[in-house]
Amino acid sequence: LFTAFIALQDIERDMGPTLFLPDSHNEQAHQEFRDGMNAEAFLPGRPTALGLLRTGEASLYDSRLLHRGGANRSDQFRVLFYLTFCHVDADAA
């Protein structure tokens, strides 16, 4: 299961781009997140990647990867097109 975010405009830092947590697409990371029950308890000290994109660029990631959108502090809408891909025989769990 993979997801692609495609930027329909430049996504700048003040627009609250998607924050990805590398290597969090596994059950251990998901359990640690559930145990903390919120991002503020889970995020400190973890590596992150920020989805700053130019128009037409895409982020492609494992859909199980923990991620979140940030607060949009700009005067523009944040516009992305997204697609999720799944093999017909894949287990979605």
C-alpha atoms as a PDB file:
ATOM      1  CA  LEU A   1       0.000   0.000   0.000  1.00  0.00           C
ATOM      2  CA  PHE A   2       1.574   3.249  -1.133  1.00  0.00           C
ATOM      3  CA  THR A   3       0.365   6.838  -1.197  1.00  0.00           C
ATOM      4  CA  ALA A   4       1.508   9.688  -3.415  1.00  0.00           C
ATOM      5  CA  PHE A   5       1.000  13.351  -2.564  1.00  0.00           C
ATOM      6  CA  ILE A   6       1.326  15.461  -5.716  1.00  0.00           C
ATOM      7  CA  ALA A   7       1.779  19.195  -5.226  1.00  0.00           C
ATOM      8  CA  LEU A   8      -0.608  21.324  -7.270  1.00  0.00           C
ATOM      9  CA  GLN A   9       1.280  24.402  -6.069  1.00  0.00           C
ATOM     10  CA  ASP A  10       4.559  25.065  -4.274  1.00  0.00           C
ATOM     11  CA  ILE A  11       4.281  23.831  -0.691  1.00  0.00           C
ATOM     12  CA  GLU A  12       6.303  26.176   1.526  1.00  0.00           C
ATOM     13  CA  ARG A  13       7.259  25.758   5.187  1.00  0.00           C
ATOM     14  CA  ASP A  14       4.606  28.241   6.445  1.00  0.00           C
ATOM     15  CA  MET A  15       1.873  26.232   4.691  1.00  0.00           C
ATOM     16  CA  GLY A  16       2.211  23.324   7.148  1.00  0.00           C
ATOM     17  CA  PRO A  17       3.680  20.679   4.857  1.00  0.00           C
ATOM     18  CA  THR A  18       3.368  17.007   5.684  1.00  0.00           C
ATOM     19  CA  LEU A  19       5.753  15.775   8.376  1.00  0.00           C
ATOM     20  CA  PHE A  20       6.900  12.195   7.783  1.00  0.00           C
ATOM     21  CA  LEU A  21       8.472   9.940  10.421  1.00  0.00           C
ATOM     22  CA  PRO A  22      10.990   7.687   8.657  1.00  0.00           C
ATOM     23  CA  ASP A  23      10.995   4.014   9.665  1.00  0.00           C
ATOM     24  CA  SER A  24       7.613   4.339  11.433  1.00  0.00           C
ATOM     25  CA  HIS A  25       5.740   2.032   9.047  1.00  0.00           C
ATOM     26  CA  ASN A  26       5.984  -0.913  11.456  1.00  0.00           C
ATOM     27  CA  GLU A  27       3.915  -2.280  14.328  1.00  0.00           C
ATOM     28  CA  GLN A  28       6.466  -1.265  16.985  1.00  0.00           C
ATOM     29  CA  ALA A  29       6.306   2.415  16.014  1.00  0.00           C
ATOM     30  CA  HIS A  30       2.512   2.319  15.832  1.00  0.00           C
ATOM     31  CA  GLN A  31       2.324   0.732  19.295  1.00  0.00           C
ATOM     32  CA  GLU A  32       4.697   3.355  20.745  1.00  0.00           C
ATOM     33  CA  PHE A  33       2.504   6.071  19.232  1.00  0.00           C
ATOM     34  CA  ARG A  34      -0.658   4.495  20.673  1.00  0.00           C
ATOM     35  CA  ASP A  35       1.017   4.159  24.078  1.00  0.00           C
ATOM     36  CA  GLY A  36       1.909   7.879  24.036  1.00  0.00           C
ATOM     37  CA  MET A  37      -1.578   8.713  22.711  1.00  0.00           C
ATOM     38  CA  ASN A  38      -0.412  11.952  21.070  1.00  0.00           C
ATOM     39  CA  ALA A  39       2.201  13.304  18.693  1.00  0.00           C
ATOM     40  CA  GLU A  40       3.799  15.606  21.285  1.00  0.00           C
ATOM     41  CA  ALA A  41       4.740  12.615  23.447  1.00  0.00           C
ATOM     42  CA  PHE A  42       5.895  10.552  20.461  1.00  0.00           C
ATOM     43  CA  LEU A  43       7.855  13.032  18.308  1.00  0.00           C
ATOM     44  CA  PRO A  44      10.718  14.321  20.495  1.00  0.00           C
ATOM     45  CA  GLY A  45      14.047  12.846  19.456  1.00  0.00           C
ATOM     46  CA  ARG A  46      12.672  11.052  16.393  1.00  0.00           C
ATOM     47  CA  PRO A  47      13.970  11.777  12.890  1.00  0.00           C
ATOM     48  CA  THR A  48      11.502  13.562  10.637  1.00  0.00           C
ATOM     49  CA  ALA A  49      11.265  14.560   6.989  1.00  0.00           C
ATOM     50  CA  LEU A  50       9.313  17.599   5.834  1.00  0.00           C
ATOM     51  CA  GLY A  51       7.303  17.389   2.597  1.00  0.00           C
ATOM     52  CA  LEU A  52       8.394  20.658   0.997  1.00  0.00           C
ATOM     53  CA  LEU A  53       7.387  20.254  -2.648  1.00  0.00           C
ATOM     54  CA  ARG A  54       7.407  22.325  -5.806  1.00  0.00           C
ATOM     55  CA  THR A  55       4.468  22.265  -8.197  1.00  0.00           C
ATOM     56  CA  GLY A  56       4.324  18.873  -9.900  1.00  0.00           C
ATOM     57  CA  GLU A  57       6.651  17.126  -7.447  1.00  0.00           C
ATOM     58  CA  ALA A  58       5.417  14.151  -5.461  1.00  0.00           C
ATOM     59  CA  SER A  59       6.051  12.382  -2.170  1.00  0.00           C
ATOM     60  CA  LEU A  60       5.606   8.623  -2.477  1.00  0.00           C
ATOM     61  CA  TYR A  61       5.509   6.696   0.779  1.00  0.00           C
ATOM     62  CA  ASP A  62       4.371   3.501   2.444  1.00  0.00           C
ATOM     63  CA  SER A  63       0.839   4.276   3.604  1.00  0.00           C
ATOM     64  CA  ARG A  64       1.576   2.807   7.040  1.00  0.00           C
ATOM     65  CA  LEU A  65       4.248   5.474   7.639  1.00  0.00           C
ATOM     66  CA  LEU A  66       3.228   7.819  10.459  1.00  0.00           C
ATOM     67  CA  HIS A  67       2.728  11.328   9.111  1.00  0.00           C
ATOM     68  CA  ARG A  68       0.757  14.469   9.793  1.00  0.00           C
ATOM     69  CA  GLY A  69      -0.027  17.816   8.257  1.00  0.00           C
ATOM     70  CA  GLY A  70       1.166  20.947   9.998  1.00  0.00           C
ATOM     71  CA  ALA A  71      -0.741  24.130  10.732  1.00  0.00           C
ATOM     72  CA  ASN A  72      -1.134  26.315   7.668  1.00  0.00           C
ATOM     73  CA  ARG A  73       0.067  29.745   8.799  1.00  0.00           C
ATOM     74  CA  SER A  74       0.073  31.241   5.323  1.00  0.00           C
ATOM     75  CA  ASP A  75      -2.687  33.134   3.573  1.00  0.00           C
ATOM     76  CA  GLN A  76      -2.957  30.391   0.905  1.00  0.00           C
ATOM     77  CA  PHE A  77      -4.748  27.085   0.774  1.00  0.00           C
ATOM     78  CA  ARG A  78      -2.483  24.015   0.759  1.00  0.00           C
ATOM     79  CA  VAL A  79      -3.562  22.050  -2.317  1.00  0.00           C
ATOM     80  CA  LEU A  80      -2.371  18.489  -2.924  1.00  0.00           C
ATOM     81  CA  PHE A  81      -3.684  15.674  -5.059  1.00  0.00           C
ATOM     82  CA  TYR A  82      -3.253  12.259  -3.512  1.00  0.00           C
ATOM     83  CA  LEU A  83      -3.516   8.696  -4.720  1.00  0.00           C
ATOM     84  CA  THR A  84      -3.249   5.429  -2.829  1.00  0.00           C
ATOM     85  CA  PHE A  85      -2.041   2.299  -4.603  1.00  0.00           C
ATOM     86  CA  CYS A  86      -2.692  -1.236  -3.420  1.00  0.00           C
ATOM     87  CA  HIS A  87      -2.002  -4.579  -5.030  1.00  0.00           C
ATOM     88  CA  VAL A  88      -5.234  -6.510  -5.470  1.00  0.00           C
ATOM     89  CA  ASP A  89      -3.918  -9.332  -3.236  1.00  0.00           C
ATOM     90  CA  ALA A  90      -2.422  -7.094  -0.544  1.00  0.00           C
ATOM     91  CA  ASP A  91      -3.528  -7.377   3.059  1.00  0.00           C
ATOM     92  CA  ALA A  92      -4.630  -3.886   4.136  1.00  0.00           C
ATOM     93  CA  ALA A  93      -4.148  -4.650   7.862  1.00  0.00           C
END
